[in-house]
Amino acid sequence: VIYHLWCGRLLKTFKNDKNQRSHIWYRWFNEAPVIVLIAIVLLASLKPF
């Protein structure tokens, strides 16, 4: 939920033409949920705890 709210906030900055972040930052921002999802799946399947 927080990720989607943050994306909405970023969209507003684009609409107002006030973007100050680089394309590399957005690329990492886009990949962060995937990395978290992979970590969750690995933890659930390997059950290290």
PDB file of N, CA and C in Angstrom:
ATOM      1  N   VAL A   1       0.832  -1.189   0.000  1.00  0.00           N
ATOM      2  CA  VAL A   1       0.000   0.000   0.000  1.00  0.00           C
ATOM      3  C   VAL A   1       0.878   1.254   0.000  1.00  0.00           C
ATOM      4  N   ILE A   2       1.923   1.242   0.795  1.00  0.00           N
ATOM      5  CA  ILE A   2       2.810   2.404   0.869  1.00  0.00           C
ATOM      6  C   ILE A   2       3.484   2.649  -0.482  1.00  0.00           C
ATOM      7  N   TYR A   3       3.863   1.561  -1.152  1.00  0.00           N
ATOM      8  CA  TYR A   3       4.502   1.681  -2.467  1.00  0.00           C
ATOM      9  C   TYR A   3       3.572   2.371  -3.463  1.00  0.00           C
ATOM     10  N   HIS A   4       2.290   1.991  -3.450  1.00  0.00           N
ATOM     11  CA  HIS A   4       1.330   2.586  -4.378  1.00  0.00           C
ATOM     12  C   HIS A   4       1.086   4.063  -4.063  1.00  0.00           C
ATOM     13  N   LEU A   5       1.055   4.402  -2.787  1.00  0.00           N
ATOM     14  CA  LEU A   5       0.903   5.812  -2.417  1.00  0.00           C
ATOM     15  C   LEU A   5       2.113   6.628  -2.872  1.00  0.00           C
ATOM     16  N   TRP A   6       3.293   6.036  -2.709  1.00  0.00           N
ATOM     17  CA  TRP A   6       4.510   6.714  -3.130  1.00  0.00           C
ATOM     18  C   TRP A   6       4.521   6.898  -4.650  1.00  0.00           C
ATOM     19  N   CYS A   7       4.056   5.876  -5.384  1.00  0.00           N
ATOM     20  CA  CYS A   7       3.971   5.998  -6.847  1.00  0.00           C
ATOM     21  C   CYS A   7       3.011   7.115  -7.243  1.00  0.00           C
ATOM     22  N   GLY A   8       1.903   7.244  -6.544  1.00  0.00           N
ATOM     23  CA  GLY A   8       0.968   8.329  -6.820  1.00  0.00           C
ATOM     24  C   GLY A   8       1.585   9.687  -6.572  1.00  0.00           C
ATOM     25  N   ARG A   9       2.383   9.769  -5.527  1.00  0.00           N
ATOM     26  CA  ARG A   9       3.069  11.031  -5.231  1.00  0.00           C
ATOM     27  C   ARG A   9       4.090  11.369  -6.315  1.00  0.00           C
ATOM     28  N   LEU A  10       4.801  10.345  -6.796  1.00  0.00           N
ATOM     29  CA  LEU A  10       5.757  10.567  -7.880  1.00  0.00           C
ATOM     30  C   LEU A  10       5.050  10.994  -9.159  1.00  0.00           C
ATOM     31  N   LEU A  11       3.886  10.434  -9.399  1.00  0.00           N
ATOM     32  CA  LEU A  11       3.109  10.812 -10.579  1.00  0.00           C
ATOM     33  C   LEU A  11       2.717  12.286 -10.533  1.00  0.00           C
ATOM     34  N   LYS A  12       2.377  12.765  -9.342  1.00  0.00           N
ATOM     35  CA  LYS A  12       2.046  14.187  -9.190  1.00  0.00           C
ATOM     36  C   LYS A  12       3.242  15.073  -9.514  1.00  0.00           C
ATOM     37  N   THR A  13       4.444  14.637  -9.119  1.00  0.00           N
ATOM     38  CA  THR A  13       5.624  15.447  -9.436  1.00  0.00           C
ATOM     39  C   THR A  13       5.865  15.490 -10.940  1.00  0.00           C
ATOM     40  N   PHE A  14       5.571  14.388 -11.626  1.00  0.00           N
ATOM     41  CA  PHE A  14       5.709  14.398 -13.086  1.00  0.00           C
ATOM     42  C   PHE A  14       4.671  15.309 -13.729  1.00  0.00           C
ATOM     43  N   LYS A  15       3.450  15.270 -13.213  1.00  0.00           N
ATOM     44  CA  LYS A  15       2.399  16.122 -13.774  1.00  0.00           C
ATOM     45  C   LYS A  15       2.721  17.600 -13.599  1.00  0.00           C
ATOM     46  N   ASN A  16       3.347  17.942 -12.478  1.00  0.00           N
ATOM     47  CA  ASN A  16       3.713  19.336 -12.205  1.00  0.00           C
ATOM     48  C   ASN A  16       5.068  19.715 -12.802  1.00  0.00           C
ATOM     49  N   ASP A  17       5.687  18.766 -13.511  1.00  0.00           N
ATOM     50  CA  ASP A  17       6.992  18.975 -14.148  1.00  0.00           C
ATOM     51  C   ASP A  17       8.053  19.397 -13.126  1.00  0.00           C
ATOM     52  N   LYS A  18       8.062  18.714 -11.977  1.00  0.00           N
ATOM     53  CA  LYS A  18       9.030  19.015 -10.923  1.00  0.00           C
ATOM     54  C   LYS A  18       9.887  17.798 -10.576  1.00  0.00           C
ATOM     55  N   ASN A  19      10.049  16.898 -11.527  1.00  0.00           N
ATOM     56  CA  ASN A  19      10.848  15.703 -11.287  1.00  0.00           C
ATOM     57  C   ASN A  19      12.327  16.071 -11.160  1.00  0.00           C
ATOM     58  N   GLN A  20      12.972  15.562 -10.096  1.00  0.00           N
ATOM     59  CA  GLN A  20      14.385  15.837  -9.879  1.00  0.00           C
ATOM     60  C   GLN A  20      15.203  14.562  -9.754  1.00  0.00           C
ATOM     61  N   ARG A  21      14.604  13.429 -10.000  1.00  0.00           N
ATOM     62  CA  ARG A  21      15.308  12.152  -9.851  1.00  0.00           C
ATOM     63  C   ARG A  21      15.764  11.636 -11.217  1.00  0.00           C
ATOM     64  N   SER A  22      16.818  10.829 -11.181  1.00  0.00           N
ATOM     65  CA  SER A  22      17.368  10.305 -12.429  1.00  0.00           C
ATOM     66  C   SER A  22      16.628   9.043 -12.860  1.00  0.00           C
ATOM     67  N   HIS A  23      16.860   8.645 -14.095  1.00  0.00           N
ATOM     68  CA  HIS A  23      16.233   7.427 -14.599  1.00  0.00           C
ATOM     69  C   HIS A  23      16.760   6.190 -13.883  1.00  0.00           C
ATOM     70  N   ILE A  24      17.982   6.260 -13.395  1.00  0.00           N
ATOM     71  CA  ILE A  24      18.549   5.122 -12.662  1.00  0.00           C
ATOM     72  C   ILE A  24      17.819   4.934 -11.337  1.00  0.00           C
ATOM     73  N   TRP A  25      17.470   6.021 -10.671  1.00  0.00           N
ATOM     74  CA  TRP A  25      16.722   5.919  -9.417  1.00  0.00           C
ATOM     75  C   TRP A  25      15.371   5.257  -9.659  1.00  0.00           C
ATOM     76  N   TYR A  26      14.701   5.657 -10.735  1.00  0.00           N
ATOM     77  CA  TYR A  26      13.394   5.058 -11.045  1.00  0.00           C
ATOM     78  C   TYR A  26      13.525   3.591 -11.425  1.00  0.00           C
ATOM     79  N   ARG A  27      14.613   3.224 -12.056  1.00  0.00           N
ATOM     80  CA  ARG A  27      14.827   1.816 -12.391  1.00  0.00           C
ATOM     81  C   ARG A  27      14.964   0.980 -11.121  1.00  0.00           C
ATOM     82  N   TRP A  28      15.736   1.472 -10.158  1.00  0.00           N
ATOM     83  CA  TRP A  28      15.875   0.756  -8.887  1.00  0.00           C
ATOM     84  C   TRP A  28      14.572   0.772  -8.097  1.00  0.00           C
ATOM     85  N   PHE A  29      13.859   1.877  -8.131  1.00  0.00           N
ATOM     86  CA  PHE A  29      12.573   1.981  -7.446  1.00  0.00           C
ATOM     87  C   PHE A  29      11.585   0.973  -8.015  1.00  0.00           C
ATOM     88  N   ASN A  30      11.654   0.732  -9.306  1.00  0.00           N
ATOM     89  CA  ASN A  30      10.786  -0.231  -9.957  1.00  0.00           C
ATOM     90  C   ASN A  30      11.154  -1.663  -9.571  1.00  0.00           C
ATOM     91  N   GLU A  31      12.434  -1.932  -9.365  1.00  0.00           N
ATOM     92  CA  GLU A  31      12.883  -3.290  -9.063  1.00  0.00           C
ATOM     93  C   GLU A  31      12.785  -3.641  -7.583  1.00  0.00           C
ATOM     94  N   ALA A  32      12.665  -2.684  -6.709  1.00  0.00           N
ATOM     95  CA  ALA A  32      12.635  -2.941  -5.265  1.00  0.00           C
ATOM     96  C   ALA A  32      11.516  -3.896  -4.855  1.00  0.00           C
ATOM     97  N   PRO A  33      10.275  -3.741  -5.324  1.00  0.00           N
ATOM     98  CA  PRO A  33       9.227  -4.688  -4.934  1.00  0.00           C
ATOM     99  C   PRO A  33       9.504  -6.110  -5.419  1.00  0.00           C
ATOM    100  N   VAL A  34      10.161  -6.238  -6.565  1.00  0.00           N
ATOM    101  CA  VAL A  34      10.490  -7.568  -7.084  1.00  0.00           C
ATOM    102  C   VAL A  34      11.510  -8.244  -6.175  1.00  0.00           C
ATOM    103  N   ILE A  35      12.492  -7.497  -5.730  1.00  0.00           N
ATOM    104  CA  ILE A  35      13.509  -8.045  -4.832  1.00  0.00           C
ATOM    105  C   ILE A  35      12.875  -8.471  -3.513  1.00  0.00           C
ATOM    106  N   VAL A  36      11.971  -7.666  -2.988  1.00  0.00           N
ATOM    107  CA  VAL A  36      11.268  -8.015  -1.747  1.00  0.00           C
ATOM    108  C   VAL A  36      10.417  -9.262  -1.956  1.00  0.00           C
ATOM    109  N   LEU A  37       9.735  -9.353  -3.088  1.00  0.00           N
ATOM    110  CA  LEU A  37       8.905 -10.519  -3.382  1.00  0.00           C
ATOM    111  C   LEU A  37       9.740 -11.786  -3.477  1.00  0.00           C
ATOM    112  N   ILE A  38      10.879 -11.717  -4.135  1.00  0.00           N
ATOM    113  CA  ILE A  38      11.760 -12.882  -4.236  1.00  0.00           C
ATOM    114  C   ILE A  38      12.246 -13.299  -2.857  1.00  0.00           C
ATOM    115  N   ALA A  39      12.598 -12.339  -2.014  1.00  0.00           N
ATOM    116  CA  ALA A  39      13.043 -12.658  -0.656  1.00  0.00           C
ATOM    117  C   ALA A  39      11.933 -13.336   0.138  1.00  0.00           C
ATOM    118  N   ILE A  40      10.705 -12.868   0.003  1.00  0.00           N
ATOM    119  CA  ILE A  40       9.576 -13.470   0.721  1.00  0.00           C
ATOM    120  C   ILE A  40       9.342 -14.892   0.247  1.00  0.00           C
ATOM    121  N   VAL A  41       9.381 -15.109  -1.056  1.00  0.00           N
ATOM    122  CA  VAL A  41       9.167 -16.453  -1.598  1.00  0.00           C
ATOM    123  C   VAL A  41      10.272 -17.393  -1.146  1.00  0.00           C
ATOM    124  N   LEU A  42      11.513 -16.939  -1.164  1.00  0.00           N
ATOM    125  CA  LEU A  42      12.615 -17.785  -0.710  1.00  0.00           C
ATOM    126  C   LEU A  42      12.497 -18.110   0.774  1.00  0.00           C
ATOM    127  N   LEU A  43      12.153 -17.131   1.582  1.00  0.00           N
ATOM    128  CA  LEU A  43      11.994 -17.389   3.012  1.00  0.00           C
ATOM    129  C   LEU A  43      10.834 -18.339   3.281  1.00  0.00           C
ATOM    130  N   ALA A  44       9.758 -18.216   2.522  1.00  0.00           N
ATOM    131  CA  ALA A  44       8.605 -19.089   2.725  1.00  0.00           C
ATOM    132  C   ALA A  44       8.896 -20.509   2.265  1.00  0.00           C
ATOM    133  N   SER A  45       9.646 -20.664   1.200  1.00  0.00           N
ATOM    134  CA  SER A  45       9.900 -22.007   0.681  1.00  0.00           C
ATOM    135  C   SER A  45      11.038 -22.708   1.414  1.00  0.00           C
ATOM    136  N   LEU A  46      12.073 -21.978   1.811  1.00  0.00           N
ATOM    137  CA  LEU A  46      13.205 -22.596   2.502  1.00  0.00           C
ATOM    138  C   LEU A  46      12.981 -22.720   4.004  1.00  0.00           C
ATOM    139  N   LYS A  47      12.127 -21.895   4.562  1.00  0.00           N
ATOM    140  CA  LYS A  47      11.786 -21.887   5.991  1.00  0.00           C
ATOM    141  C   LYS A  47      13.035 -21.957   6.880  1.00  0.00           C
ATOM    142  N   PRO A  48      13.872 -20.935   6.848  1.00  0.00           N
ATOM    143  CA  PRO A  48      15.104 -20.977   7.629  1.00  0.00           C
ATOM    144  C   PRO A  48      14.903 -20.797   9.133  1.00  0.00           C
ATOM    145  N   PHE A  49      13.714 -20.395   9.555  1.00  0.00           N
ATOM    146  CA  PHE A  49      13.492 -20.149  10.980  1.00  0.00           C
ATOM    147  C   PHE A  49      12.668 -21.243  11.593  1.00  0.00           C
TER     148      PHE A  49
END
